[in-house]
């Protein structure tokens, strides 16, 4: 058994609805806002959102198994790209109010990733790991929890980076810049751990599907 295209399309829609219900601001916010209020809202909705993802299990259907070597197209790496495209679509639709561009993004880039995910085979997501002393706290007991963790981490990274794209970084206080560096270092390690968790948990669920 493998996940169908319909499964991933529904997963994308549920993810969009999840972001809709979060206090994501339409203008860039300070790092403190992202790591306190937005992060707290994500944590509060964690259990309910993972349960809603698990409700899509009935969409699992048979599909032929890929015989291609995955290379960088492991489920973990593809899921990372998938969550980033979901976030980007939401921002285009809500922050720039460009529905047409958001729809095109889903029909082209997101659907391309979905098709790649449907055809993926087991790979080695650890190639994305970094040598570091930083300890992250990525925990997941199932595929849906790993997906939620990766989606949430990428959303926090996306929102915190927006300020740097708009502000003149040289005008920021040195302490604030250090806070950004500290968060990005931790956040990217957390992201990598969730990429690996998505890889492992996906195939654990895949191999145990009946």
N, C-alpha and C. Protein backbone atom coordinates (compact mmCIF):
# COMPACT_ATOMS: atom_id res chain seq x y z
N UNK A 1 0.84 -1.20 0.00
CA UNK A 1 0.00 0.00 0.00
C UNK A 1 0.87 1.25 0.00
N UNK A 2 0.41 2.29 -0.65
CA UNK A 2 1.13 3.57 -0.67
C UNK A 2 0.13 4.70 -0.67
N UNK A 3 0.59 5.87 -0.33
CA UNK A 3 -0.30 7.01 -0.30
C UNK A 3 -0.64 7.49 -1.70
N UNK A 4 -1.89 7.88 -1.89
CA UNK A 4 -2.34 8.34 -3.20
C UNK A 4 -2.18 9.84 -3.32
N UNK A 5 -2.31 10.31 -4.57
CA UNK A 5 -2.26 11.75 -4.82
C UNK A 5 -3.35 12.47 -4.03
N UNK A 6 -4.54 11.87 -3.96
CA UNK A 6 -5.63 12.49 -3.20
C UNK A 6 -5.27 12.69 -1.73
N UNK A 7 -4.53 11.74 -1.18
CA UNK A 7 -4.10 11.87 0.22
C UNK A 7 -3.28 13.14 0.41
N UNK A 8 -2.28 13.33 -0.42
CA UNK A 8 -1.41 14.49 -0.27
C UNK A 8 -2.14 15.80 -0.57
N UNK A 9 -3.06 15.79 -1.51
CA UNK A 9 -3.84 17.00 -1.80
C UNK A 9 -4.68 17.38 -0.59
N UNK A 10 -5.30 16.39 0.04
CA UNK A 10 -6.10 16.66 1.25
C UNK A 10 -5.19 17.11 2.40
N UNK A 11 -4.00 16.52 2.48
CA UNK A 11 -3.06 16.91 3.52
C UNK A 11 -2.66 18.38 3.35
N UNK A 12 -2.47 18.80 2.11
CA UNK A 12 -2.14 20.20 1.84
C UNK A 12 -3.29 21.12 2.25
N UNK A 13 -4.52 20.73 1.93
CA UNK A 13 -5.67 21.54 2.29
C UNK A 13 -5.84 21.67 3.79
N UNK A 14 -5.66 20.57 4.51
CA UNK A 14 -5.75 20.62 5.97
C UNK A 14 -4.65 21.49 6.56
N UNK A 15 -3.48 21.46 5.94
CA UNK A 15 -2.37 22.28 6.42
C UNK A 15 -2.65 23.77 6.22
N UNK A 16 -3.26 24.09 5.09
CA UNK A 16 -3.66 25.48 4.83
C UNK A 16 -4.67 25.95 5.87
N UNK A 17 -5.64 25.10 6.18
CA UNK A 17 -6.64 25.45 7.19
C UNK A 17 -6.00 25.61 8.57
N UNK A 18 -5.01 24.79 8.84
CA UNK A 18 -4.28 24.90 10.10
C UNK A 18 -3.63 26.28 10.21
N UNK A 19 -2.94 26.71 9.15
CA UNK A 19 -2.29 28.03 9.17
C UNK A 19 -3.34 29.14 9.26
N UNK A 20 -4.48 28.94 8.60
CA UNK A 20 -5.57 29.92 8.67
C UNK A 20 -5.96 30.24 10.10
N UNK A 21 -5.92 29.24 10.96
CA UNK A 21 -6.38 29.39 12.35
C UNK A 21 -5.29 29.85 13.31
N UNK A 22 -4.10 30.08 12.78
CA UNK A 22 -3.01 30.57 13.62
C UNK A 22 -2.91 32.09 13.56
N UNK A 23 -2.33 32.72 14.56
CA UNK A 23 -2.19 34.19 14.56
C UNK A 23 -1.01 34.66 13.71
N UNK A 24 -0.99 34.20 12.44
CA UNK A 24 0.05 34.64 11.52
C UNK A 24 -0.33 36.04 11.03
N UNK A 25 0.55 37.00 11.24
CA UNK A 25 0.26 38.38 10.87
C UNK A 25 0.57 38.63 9.40
N UNK A 26 -0.13 39.55 8.81
CA UNK A 26 0.07 39.86 7.39
C UNK A 26 1.28 40.74 7.14
N UNK A 27 1.84 41.30 8.20
CA UNK A 27 3.08 42.08 8.09
C UNK A 27 4.13 41.43 8.98
N UNK A 28 5.40 41.55 8.62
CA UNK A 28 6.47 40.90 9.40
C UNK A 28 6.48 41.36 10.85
N UNK A 29 6.69 40.39 11.74
CA UNK A 29 6.69 40.66 13.17
C UNK A 29 8.08 40.40 13.76
N UNK A 30 8.37 40.99 14.92
CA UNK A 30 9.66 40.73 15.58
C UNK A 30 9.80 39.25 15.92
N UNK A 31 11.03 38.82 16.07
CA UNK A 31 11.31 37.42 16.40
C UNK A 31 10.58 36.99 17.66
N UNK A 32 10.50 37.87 18.63
CA UNK A 32 9.84 37.54 19.90
C UNK A 32 8.39 37.11 19.67
N UNK A 33 7.70 37.79 18.76
CA UNK A 33 6.30 37.42 18.47
C UNK A 33 6.23 36.01 17.90
N UNK A 34 7.11 35.72 16.95
CA UNK A 34 7.10 34.41 16.30
C UNK A 34 7.37 33.29 17.29
N UNK A 35 8.34 33.49 18.17
CA UNK A 35 8.76 32.43 19.07
C UNK A 35 7.97 32.37 20.36
N UNK A 36 7.05 33.31 20.55
CA UNK A 36 6.20 33.26 21.75
C UNK A 36 4.74 33.02 21.35
N UNK A 37 4.09 34.05 20.81
CA UNK A 37 2.67 33.93 20.53
C UNK A 37 2.36 32.92 19.43
N UNK A 38 3.07 33.00 18.31
CA UNK A 38 2.80 32.06 17.22
C UNK A 38 3.18 30.64 17.62
N UNK A 39 4.33 30.49 18.24
CA UNK A 39 4.78 29.16 18.68
C UNK A 39 3.81 28.57 19.69
N UNK A 40 3.30 29.38 20.60
CA UNK A 40 2.36 28.89 21.61
C UNK A 40 1.05 28.44 20.97
N UNK A 41 0.59 29.16 19.96
CA UNK A 41 -0.64 28.78 19.26
C UNK A 41 -0.46 27.45 18.52
N UNK A 42 0.71 27.25 17.96
CA UNK A 42 1.01 25.99 17.29
C UNK A 42 0.97 24.85 18.30
N UNK A 43 1.62 25.03 19.44
CA UNK A 43 1.64 23.99 20.47
C UNK A 43 0.23 23.67 20.97
N UNK A 44 -0.58 24.70 21.11
CA UNK A 44 -1.94 24.51 21.62
C UNK A 44 -2.79 23.67 20.67
N UNK A 45 -2.55 23.80 19.37
CA UNK A 45 -3.37 23.09 18.38
C UNK A 45 -2.75 21.75 17.96
N UNK A 46 -1.62 21.41 18.53
CA UNK A 46 -0.85 20.24 18.11
C UNK A 46 -1.67 18.94 18.08
N UNK A 47 -2.25 18.59 19.22
CA UNK A 47 -2.96 17.30 19.33
C UNK A 47 -4.14 17.22 18.36
N UNK A 48 -4.93 18.29 18.31
CA UNK A 48 -6.10 18.31 17.42
C UNK A 48 -5.69 18.23 15.95
N UNK A 49 -4.62 18.92 15.59
CA UNK A 49 -4.20 18.93 14.19
C UNK A 49 -3.63 17.58 13.76
N UNK A 50 -2.85 16.96 14.62
CA UNK A 50 -2.32 15.63 14.29
C UNK A 50 -3.46 14.64 14.12
N UNK A 51 -4.48 14.75 14.97
CA UNK A 51 -5.65 13.88 14.85
C UNK A 51 -6.36 14.09 13.52
N UNK A 52 -6.46 15.33 13.07
CA UNK A 52 -7.12 15.61 11.79
C UNK A 52 -6.30 15.04 10.63
N UNK A 53 -4.97 15.09 10.73
CA UNK A 53 -4.13 14.47 9.70
C UNK A 53 -4.35 12.96 9.66
N UNK A 54 -4.48 12.36 10.82
CA UNK A 54 -4.69 10.91 10.88
C UNK A 54 -6.04 10.51 10.31
N UNK A 55 -6.97 11.45 10.28
CA UNK A 55 -8.28 11.17 9.72
C UNK A 55 -8.28 10.96 8.22
N UNK A 56 -7.13 11.21 7.58
CA UNK A 56 -7.03 11.04 6.13
C UNK A 56 -6.61 9.62 5.73
N UNK A 57 -6.46 8.74 6.69
CA UNK A 57 -5.94 7.40 6.41
C UNK A 57 -6.78 6.63 5.40
N UNK A 58 -8.08 6.94 5.32
CA UNK A 58 -8.94 6.21 4.39
C UNK A 58 -8.58 6.49 2.93
N UNK A 59 -7.76 7.51 2.71
CA UNK A 59 -7.37 7.85 1.35
C UNK A 59 -6.14 7.07 0.87
N UNK A 60 -5.63 6.20 1.74
CA UNK A 60 -4.52 5.35 1.33
C UNK A 60 -5.03 4.39 0.25
N UNK A 61 -4.29 4.29 -0.84
CA UNK A 61 -4.70 3.41 -1.93
C UNK A 61 -3.47 2.80 -2.59
N UNK A 62 -3.70 1.77 -3.39
CA UNK A 62 -2.59 1.10 -4.03
C UNK A 62 -1.99 1.96 -5.13
N UNK A 63 -0.66 1.92 -5.22
CA UNK A 63 0.02 2.54 -6.35
C UNK A 63 1.30 1.75 -6.58
N UNK A 64 1.78 1.74 -7.80
CA UNK A 64 2.96 0.94 -8.08
C UNK A 64 4.17 1.53 -7.38
N UNK A 65 5.04 0.66 -6.92
CA UNK A 65 6.22 1.09 -6.19
C UNK A 65 7.30 1.56 -7.14
N UNK A 66 7.94 2.67 -6.81
CA UNK A 66 9.02 3.18 -7.64
C UNK A 66 10.22 2.24 -7.60
N UNK A 67 10.88 2.08 -8.72
CA UNK A 67 12.10 1.29 -8.76
C UNK A 67 13.32 2.20 -8.98
N UNK A 68 13.09 3.49 -8.93
CA UNK A 68 14.16 4.46 -9.16
C UNK A 68 14.95 4.70 -7.86
N UNK A 69 16.24 4.94 -7.99
CA UNK A 69 17.03 5.35 -6.85
C UNK A 69 16.62 6.77 -6.47
N UNK A 70 16.27 7.03 -5.21
CA UNK A 70 15.70 8.33 -4.84
C UNK A 70 16.66 9.51 -4.93
N UNK A 71 17.97 9.27 -4.69
CA UNK A 71 18.88 10.42 -4.66
C UNK A 71 18.43 11.40 -3.59
N UNK A 72 18.25 12.67 -3.96
CA UNK A 72 17.77 13.67 -3.00
C UNK A 72 16.26 13.63 -2.84
N UNK A 73 15.57 12.84 -3.68
CA UNK A 73 14.11 12.79 -3.61
C UNK A 73 13.61 11.74 -2.64
N UNK A 74 14.14 11.79 -1.42
CA UNK A 74 13.61 10.93 -0.37
C UNK A 74 12.32 11.54 0.15
N UNK A 75 11.51 10.73 0.81
CA UNK A 75 10.26 11.26 1.39
C UNK A 75 10.54 12.39 2.36
N UNK A 76 11.60 12.26 3.16
CA UNK A 76 11.92 13.32 4.10
C UNK A 76 12.21 14.65 3.41
N UNK A 77 13.04 14.61 2.39
CA UNK A 77 13.39 15.83 1.66
C UNK A 77 12.21 16.38 0.88
N UNK A 78 11.43 15.49 0.29
CA UNK A 78 10.24 15.93 -0.46
C UNK A 78 9.20 16.54 0.48
N UNK A 79 9.04 15.96 1.66
CA UNK A 79 8.09 16.51 2.62
C UNK A 79 8.50 17.90 3.07
N UNK A 80 9.79 18.11 3.23
CA UNK A 80 10.31 19.43 3.57
C UNK A 80 9.89 20.44 2.50
N UNK A 81 10.12 20.10 1.23
CA UNK A 81 9.75 20.99 0.13
C UNK A 81 8.23 21.18 0.07
N UNK A 82 7.50 20.11 0.32
CA UNK A 82 6.03 20.14 0.31
C UNK A 82 5.51 21.14 1.34
N UNK A 83 6.03 21.08 2.57
CA UNK A 83 5.55 21.99 3.62
C UNK A 83 5.91 23.44 3.30
N UNK A 84 7.09 23.66 2.73
CA UNK A 84 7.49 25.03 2.37
C UNK A 84 6.58 25.59 1.29
N UNK A 85 6.21 24.77 0.32
CA UNK A 85 5.29 25.23 -0.73
C UNK A 85 3.90 25.53 -0.17
N UNK A 86 3.45 24.74 0.80
CA UNK A 86 2.17 25.01 1.45
C UNK A 86 2.21 26.38 2.13
N UNK A 87 3.28 26.65 2.85
CA UNK A 87 3.44 27.94 3.54
C UNK A 87 3.51 29.08 2.52
N UNK A 88 4.28 28.87 1.47
CA UNK A 88 4.41 29.91 0.44
C UNK A 88 3.06 30.21 -0.21
N UNK A 89 2.29 29.15 -0.51
CA UNK A 89 0.98 29.36 -1.11
C UNK A 89 0.09 30.17 -0.19
N UNK A 90 0.11 29.84 1.11
CA UNK A 90 -0.73 30.57 2.07
C UNK A 90 -0.33 32.05 2.09
N UNK A 91 0.96 32.31 2.11
CA UNK A 91 1.43 33.70 2.16
C UNK A 91 1.05 34.48 0.90
N UNK A 92 1.18 33.85 -0.25
CA UNK A 92 0.80 34.51 -1.51
C UNK A 92 -0.69 34.82 -1.51
N UNK A 93 -1.48 33.85 -1.04
CA UNK A 93 -2.93 34.01 -1.05
C UNK A 93 -3.41 35.04 -0.03
N UNK A 94 -2.75 35.10 1.12
CA UNK A 94 -3.23 35.95 2.21
C UNK A 94 -2.44 37.24 2.40
N UNK A 95 -1.14 37.21 2.20
CA UNK A 95 -0.34 38.41 2.43
C UNK A 95 -0.26 39.32 1.22
N UNK A 96 -0.18 38.71 0.04
CA UNK A 96 -0.12 39.54 -1.17
C UNK A 96 -1.45 39.58 -1.91
N UNK A 97 -2.42 38.79 -1.41
CA UNK A 97 -3.78 38.76 -1.98
C UNK A 97 -3.78 38.39 -3.46
N UNK A 98 -2.91 37.49 -3.84
CA UNK A 98 -2.81 37.08 -5.24
C UNK A 98 -3.29 35.64 -5.38
N UNK A 99 -4.61 35.47 -5.46
CA UNK A 99 -5.21 34.14 -5.54
C UNK A 99 -4.75 33.39 -6.79
N UNK A 100 -4.66 34.07 -7.91
CA UNK A 100 -4.28 33.41 -9.16
C UNK A 100 -2.87 32.83 -9.06
N UNK A 101 -1.95 33.61 -8.53
CA UNK A 101 -0.57 33.13 -8.39
C UNK A 101 -0.50 31.95 -7.42
N UNK A 102 -1.29 32.01 -6.35
CA UNK A 102 -1.32 30.91 -5.38
C UNK A 102 -1.87 29.64 -6.01
N UNK A 103 -2.92 29.77 -6.80
CA UNK A 103 -3.51 28.61 -7.48
C UNK A 103 -2.51 27.99 -8.47
N UNK A 104 -1.79 28.84 -9.18
CA UNK A 104 -0.79 28.35 -10.14
C UNK A 104 0.32 27.60 -9.41
N UNK A 105 0.74 28.14 -8.27
CA UNK A 105 1.77 27.48 -7.47
C UNK A 105 1.34 26.07 -7.08
N UNK A 106 0.09 25.93 -6.65
CA UNK A 106 -0.39 24.60 -6.26
C UNK A 106 -0.46 23.66 -7.46
N UNK A 107 -0.99 24.15 -8.57
CA UNK A 107 -1.17 23.29 -9.75
C UNK A 107 0.17 22.86 -10.36
N UNK A 108 1.20 23.64 -10.16
CA UNK A 108 2.48 23.34 -10.80
C UNK A 108 3.48 22.75 -9.79
N UNK A 109 4.07 23.59 -8.97
CA UNK A 109 5.13 23.14 -8.08
C UNK A 109 4.66 22.14 -7.02
N UNK A 110 3.54 22.46 -6.35
CA UNK A 110 3.07 21.57 -5.30
C UNK A 110 2.64 20.23 -5.85
N UNK A 111 1.90 20.24 -6.96
CA UNK A 111 1.47 18.98 -7.56
C UNK A 111 2.66 18.17 -8.07
N UNK A 112 3.70 18.84 -8.53
CA UNK A 112 4.91 18.15 -8.97
C UNK A 112 5.54 17.40 -7.80
N UNK A 113 5.60 18.05 -6.63
CA UNK A 113 6.15 17.41 -5.45
C UNK A 113 5.25 16.26 -4.99
N UNK A 114 3.94 16.46 -5.04
CA UNK A 114 3.00 15.41 -4.64
C UNK A 114 3.20 14.15 -5.48
N UNK A 115 3.34 14.33 -6.78
CA UNK A 115 3.54 13.17 -7.66
C UNK A 115 4.87 12.48 -7.35
N UNK A 116 5.88 13.26 -7.02
CA UNK A 116 7.17 12.67 -6.65
C UNK A 116 7.06 11.91 -5.34
N UNK A 117 6.27 12.43 -4.40
CA UNK A 117 6.08 11.75 -3.11
C UNK A 117 5.36 10.42 -3.30
N UNK A 118 4.37 10.41 -4.20
CA UNK A 118 3.61 9.18 -4.44
C UNK A 118 4.53 8.08 -4.99
N UNK A 119 5.53 8.47 -5.76
CA UNK A 119 6.39 7.50 -6.43
C UNK A 119 7.71 7.26 -5.69
N UNK A 120 7.87 7.85 -4.51
CA UNK A 120 9.15 7.78 -3.80
C UNK A 120 9.46 6.37 -3.30
N UNK A 121 10.72 6.10 -3.11
CA UNK A 121 11.16 4.85 -2.51
C UNK A 121 12.07 5.17 -1.32
N UNK A 122 12.42 4.16 -0.57
CA UNK A 122 13.22 4.36 0.64
C UNK A 122 14.58 4.95 0.30
N UNK A 123 14.98 5.97 1.08
CA UNK A 123 16.28 6.59 0.86
C UNK A 123 16.97 6.86 2.18
N UNK A 124 17.95 7.75 2.16
CA UNK A 124 18.75 8.04 3.34
C UNK A 124 18.71 9.53 3.64
N UNK A 125 17.73 9.92 4.44
CA UNK A 125 17.56 11.35 4.71
C UNK A 125 18.66 11.90 5.60
N UNK A 126 19.47 11.03 6.22
CA UNK A 126 20.53 11.52 7.10
C UNK A 126 21.57 12.32 6.35
N UNK A 127 21.57 12.25 5.02
CA UNK A 127 22.54 13.04 4.24
C UNK A 127 22.34 14.54 4.48
N UNK A 128 21.19 14.90 5.04
CA UNK A 128 20.90 16.31 5.29
C UNK A 128 21.35 16.75 6.69
N UNK A 129 21.88 15.84 7.50
CA UNK A 129 22.24 16.16 8.88
C UNK A 129 23.53 16.98 8.92
N UNK A 130 23.70 17.72 10.02
CA UNK A 130 24.87 18.57 10.20
C UNK A 130 25.66 18.10 11.42
N UNK A 131 26.98 18.32 11.39
CA UNK A 131 27.80 18.04 12.56
C UNK A 131 27.68 19.23 13.50
N UNK A 132 27.12 19.02 14.66
CA UNK A 132 26.83 20.13 15.57
C UNK A 132 26.70 19.64 17.00
N UNK A 133 26.90 20.54 17.93
CA UNK A 133 26.69 20.25 19.33
C UNK A 133 25.30 20.69 19.79
N UNK A 134 24.56 21.35 18.88
CA UNK A 134 23.22 21.83 19.22
C UNK A 134 22.27 20.66 19.38
N UNK A 135 21.51 20.65 20.45
CA UNK A 135 20.53 19.60 20.69
C UNK A 135 19.13 20.14 20.43
N UNK A 136 18.43 19.52 19.50
CA UNK A 136 17.05 19.92 19.20
C UNK A 136 16.09 18.96 19.88
N UNK A 137 14.81 19.27 19.80
CA UNK A 137 13.81 18.48 20.54
C UNK A 137 12.73 17.93 19.62
N UNK A 138 13.13 17.41 18.47
CA UNK A 138 12.16 16.83 17.54
C UNK A 138 11.72 15.47 18.05
N UNK A 139 10.43 15.34 18.32
CA UNK A 139 9.89 14.05 18.76
C UNK A 139 8.66 13.74 17.92
N UNK A 140 8.55 12.49 17.52
CA UNK A 140 7.39 12.06 16.73
C UNK A 140 7.20 10.56 16.89
N UNK A 141 5.98 10.17 17.18
CA UNK A 141 5.67 8.76 17.35
C UNK A 141 4.93 8.19 16.15
N UNK A 142 4.62 9.04 15.18
CA UNK A 142 3.93 8.59 13.97
C UNK A 142 4.24 9.56 12.84
N UNK A 143 3.90 9.17 11.61
CA UNK A 143 4.13 10.00 10.43
C UNK A 143 3.44 11.34 10.54
N UNK A 144 2.19 11.34 11.01
CA UNK A 144 1.43 12.58 11.08
C UNK A 144 2.06 13.57 12.07
N UNK A 145 2.59 13.06 13.17
CA UNK A 145 3.24 13.93 14.15
C UNK A 145 4.55 14.49 13.59
N UNK A 146 5.27 13.66 12.83
CA UNK A 146 6.50 14.14 12.19
C UNK A 146 6.19 15.21 11.16
N UNK A 147 5.12 14.99 10.37
CA UNK A 147 4.72 15.97 9.37
C UNK A 147 4.32 17.29 10.04
N UNK A 148 3.55 17.20 11.11
CA UNK A 148 3.15 18.41 11.84
C UNK A 148 4.37 19.15 12.36
N UNK A 149 5.34 18.42 12.90
CA UNK A 149 6.55 19.05 13.41
C UNK A 149 7.33 19.77 12.34
N UNK A 150 7.45 19.15 11.17
CA UNK A 150 8.19 19.78 10.07
C UNK A 150 7.44 20.99 9.53
N UNK A 151 6.14 20.88 9.35
CA UNK A 151 5.32 22.00 8.88
C UNK A 151 5.43 23.18 9.85
N UNK A 152 5.31 22.91 11.13
CA UNK A 152 5.34 23.97 12.15
C UNK A 152 6.72 24.63 12.23
N UNK A 153 7.77 23.82 12.18
CA UNK A 153 9.12 24.37 12.25
C UNK A 153 9.42 25.24 11.04
N UNK A 154 9.02 24.78 9.87
CA UNK A 154 9.25 25.59 8.66
C UNK A 154 8.42 26.87 8.68
N UNK A 155 7.23 26.82 9.27
CA UNK A 155 6.43 28.04 9.39
C UNK A 155 7.11 29.05 10.30
N UNK A 156 7.63 28.60 11.43
CA UNK A 156 8.33 29.50 12.35
C UNK A 156 9.59 30.08 11.70
N UNK A 157 10.31 29.25 10.98
CA UNK A 157 11.50 29.74 10.27
C UNK A 157 11.13 30.76 9.20
N UNK A 158 10.07 30.46 8.46
CA UNK A 158 9.61 31.37 7.40
C UNK A 158 9.23 32.73 7.97
N UNK A 159 8.42 32.70 9.02
CA UNK A 159 7.93 33.95 9.60
C UNK A 159 9.07 34.77 10.22
N UNK A 160 10.01 34.11 10.86
CA UNK A 160 11.10 34.85 11.49
C UNK A 160 12.07 35.43 10.45
N UNK A 161 12.20 34.77 9.31
CA UNK A 161 13.09 35.26 8.26
C UNK A 161 12.52 36.46 7.52
N UNK A 162 11.21 36.61 7.51
CA UNK A 162 10.58 37.69 6.76
C UNK A 162 11.09 39.07 7.19
N UNK A 163 11.30 39.23 8.48
CA UNK A 163 11.78 40.52 8.98
C UNK A 163 13.13 40.87 8.36
N UNK A 164 13.99 39.88 8.24
CA UNK A 164 15.33 40.13 7.71
C UNK A 164 15.31 40.49 6.24
N UNK A 165 14.28 40.03 5.51
CA UNK A 165 14.19 40.35 4.09
C UNK A 165 13.70 41.78 3.87
N UNK A 166 13.03 42.34 4.86
CA UNK A 166 12.43 43.67 4.70
C UNK A 166 13.25 44.75 5.42
N UNK A 167 13.75 44.42 6.62
CA UNK A 167 14.55 45.39 7.36
C UNK A 167 15.99 45.43 6.86
N UNK A 168 16.63 46.54 7.14
CA UNK A 168 18.07 46.65 6.90
C UNK A 168 18.76 45.98 8.09
N UNK A 169 19.41 44.84 7.85
CA UNK A 169 19.99 44.07 8.94
C UNK A 169 21.04 44.88 9.71
N UNK A 170 21.67 45.83 9.05
CA UNK A 170 22.69 46.64 9.71
C UNK A 170 22.08 47.61 10.72
N UNK A 171 20.76 47.83 10.60
CA UNK A 171 20.10 48.74 11.54
C UNK A 171 19.61 48.02 12.80
N UNK A 172 19.68 46.68 12.81
CA UNK A 172 19.21 45.93 13.96
C UNK A 172 20.23 45.95 15.09
N UNK A 173 19.77 46.01 16.33
CA UNK A 173 20.70 45.94 17.47
C UNK A 173 21.48 44.63 17.45
N UNK A 174 22.72 44.66 17.90
CA UNK A 174 23.56 43.46 17.86
C UNK A 174 22.95 42.31 18.66
N UNK A 175 22.27 42.63 19.76
CA UNK A 175 21.65 41.58 20.58
C UNK A 175 20.53 40.88 19.81
N UNK A 176 19.77 41.65 19.05
CA UNK A 176 18.70 41.07 18.25
C UNK A 176 19.27 40.17 17.14
N UNK A 177 20.35 40.60 16.54
CA UNK A 177 20.99 39.78 15.50
C UNK A 177 21.47 38.46 16.09
N UNK A 178 22.05 38.51 17.30
CA UNK A 178 22.48 37.28 17.97
C UNK A 178 21.31 36.35 18.24
N UNK A 179 20.17 36.94 18.60
CA UNK A 179 18.97 36.13 18.84
C UNK A 179 18.52 35.42 17.57
N UNK A 180 18.58 36.13 16.45
CA UNK A 180 18.23 35.51 15.17
C UNK A 180 19.18 34.36 14.84
N UNK A 181 20.47 34.59 14.99
CA UNK A 181 21.46 33.56 14.69
C UNK A 181 21.24 32.33 15.57
N UNK A 182 20.98 32.56 16.84
CA UNK A 182 20.74 31.46 17.78
C UNK A 182 19.50 30.66 17.37
N UNK A 183 18.43 31.37 17.01
CA UNK A 183 17.20 30.68 16.63
C UNK A 183 17.35 29.93 15.31
N UNK A 184 17.97 30.57 14.32
CA UNK A 184 18.13 29.90 13.02
C UNK A 184 19.01 28.66 13.15
N UNK A 185 20.02 28.72 13.99
CA UNK A 185 20.88 27.55 14.20
C UNK A 185 20.07 26.41 14.79
N UNK A 186 19.31 26.72 15.83
CA UNK A 186 18.48 25.70 16.48
C UNK A 186 17.36 25.24 15.55
N UNK A 187 16.68 26.20 14.93
CA UNK A 187 15.53 25.88 14.08
C UNK A 187 15.89 24.99 12.91
N UNK A 188 17.05 25.21 12.32
CA UNK A 188 17.46 24.40 11.18
C UNK A 188 17.88 22.99 11.60
N UNK A 189 18.46 22.85 12.78
CA UNK A 189 18.75 21.52 13.29
C UNK A 189 17.44 20.78 13.59
N UNK A 190 16.47 21.50 14.17
CA UNK A 190 15.16 20.91 14.44
C UNK A 190 14.50 20.48 13.13
N UNK A 191 14.59 21.33 12.13
CA UNK A 191 14.04 21.01 10.81
C UNK A 191 14.66 19.73 10.25
N UNK A 192 15.99 19.62 10.33
CA UNK A 192 16.67 18.43 9.83
C UNK A 192 16.23 17.17 10.56
N UNK A 193 16.03 17.30 11.87
CA UNK A 193 15.58 16.14 12.65
C UNK A 193 14.18 15.71 12.24
N UNK A 194 13.32 16.70 11.95
CA UNK A 194 11.96 16.35 11.51
C UNK A 194 11.97 15.78 10.09
N UNK A 195 12.89 16.21 9.25
CA UNK A 195 13.03 15.62 7.91
C UNK A 195 13.34 14.13 8.05
N UNK A 196 14.26 13.82 8.94
CA UNK A 196 14.62 12.42 9.16
C UNK A 196 13.46 11.65 9.79
N UNK A 197 12.74 12.30 10.72
CA UNK A 197 11.59 11.64 11.34
C UNK A 197 10.51 11.36 10.31
N UNK A 198 10.28 12.30 9.39
CA UNK A 198 9.28 12.08 8.33
C UNK A 198 9.68 10.88 7.48
N UNK A 199 10.95 10.78 7.14
CA UNK A 199 11.44 9.65 6.35
C UNK A 199 11.17 8.33 7.07
N UNK A 200 11.57 8.26 8.33
CA UNK A 200 11.45 7.02 9.07
C UNK A 200 9.99 6.65 9.35
N UNK A 201 9.20 7.63 9.78
CA UNK A 201 7.82 7.35 10.15
C UNK A 201 6.95 7.06 8.94
N UNK A 202 7.24 7.68 7.82
CA UNK A 202 6.48 7.41 6.59
C UNK A 202 6.63 5.95 6.20
N UNK A 203 7.88 5.48 6.16
CA UNK A 203 8.09 4.10 5.72
C UNK A 203 7.68 3.09 6.77
N UNK A 204 7.72 3.50 8.05
CA UNK A 204 7.20 2.63 9.09
C UNK A 204 5.70 2.41 8.89
N UNK A 205 4.99 3.49 8.54
CA UNK A 205 3.55 3.39 8.29
C UNK A 205 3.30 2.66 6.98
N UNK A 206 4.11 2.96 5.98
CA UNK A 206 3.98 2.30 4.67
C UNK A 206 4.15 0.80 4.79
N UNK A 207 5.18 0.36 5.49
CA UNK A 207 5.47 -1.07 5.57
C UNK A 207 4.45 -1.82 6.42
N UNK A 208 3.71 -1.08 7.26
CA UNK A 208 2.72 -1.73 8.10
C UNK A 208 1.30 -1.56 7.61
N UNK A 209 1.13 -0.90 6.42
CA UNK A 209 -0.21 -0.72 5.85
C UNK A 209 -0.73 -2.06 5.37
N UNK A 210 -2.01 -2.28 5.56
CA UNK A 210 -2.65 -3.55 5.16
C UNK A 210 -3.53 -3.33 3.94
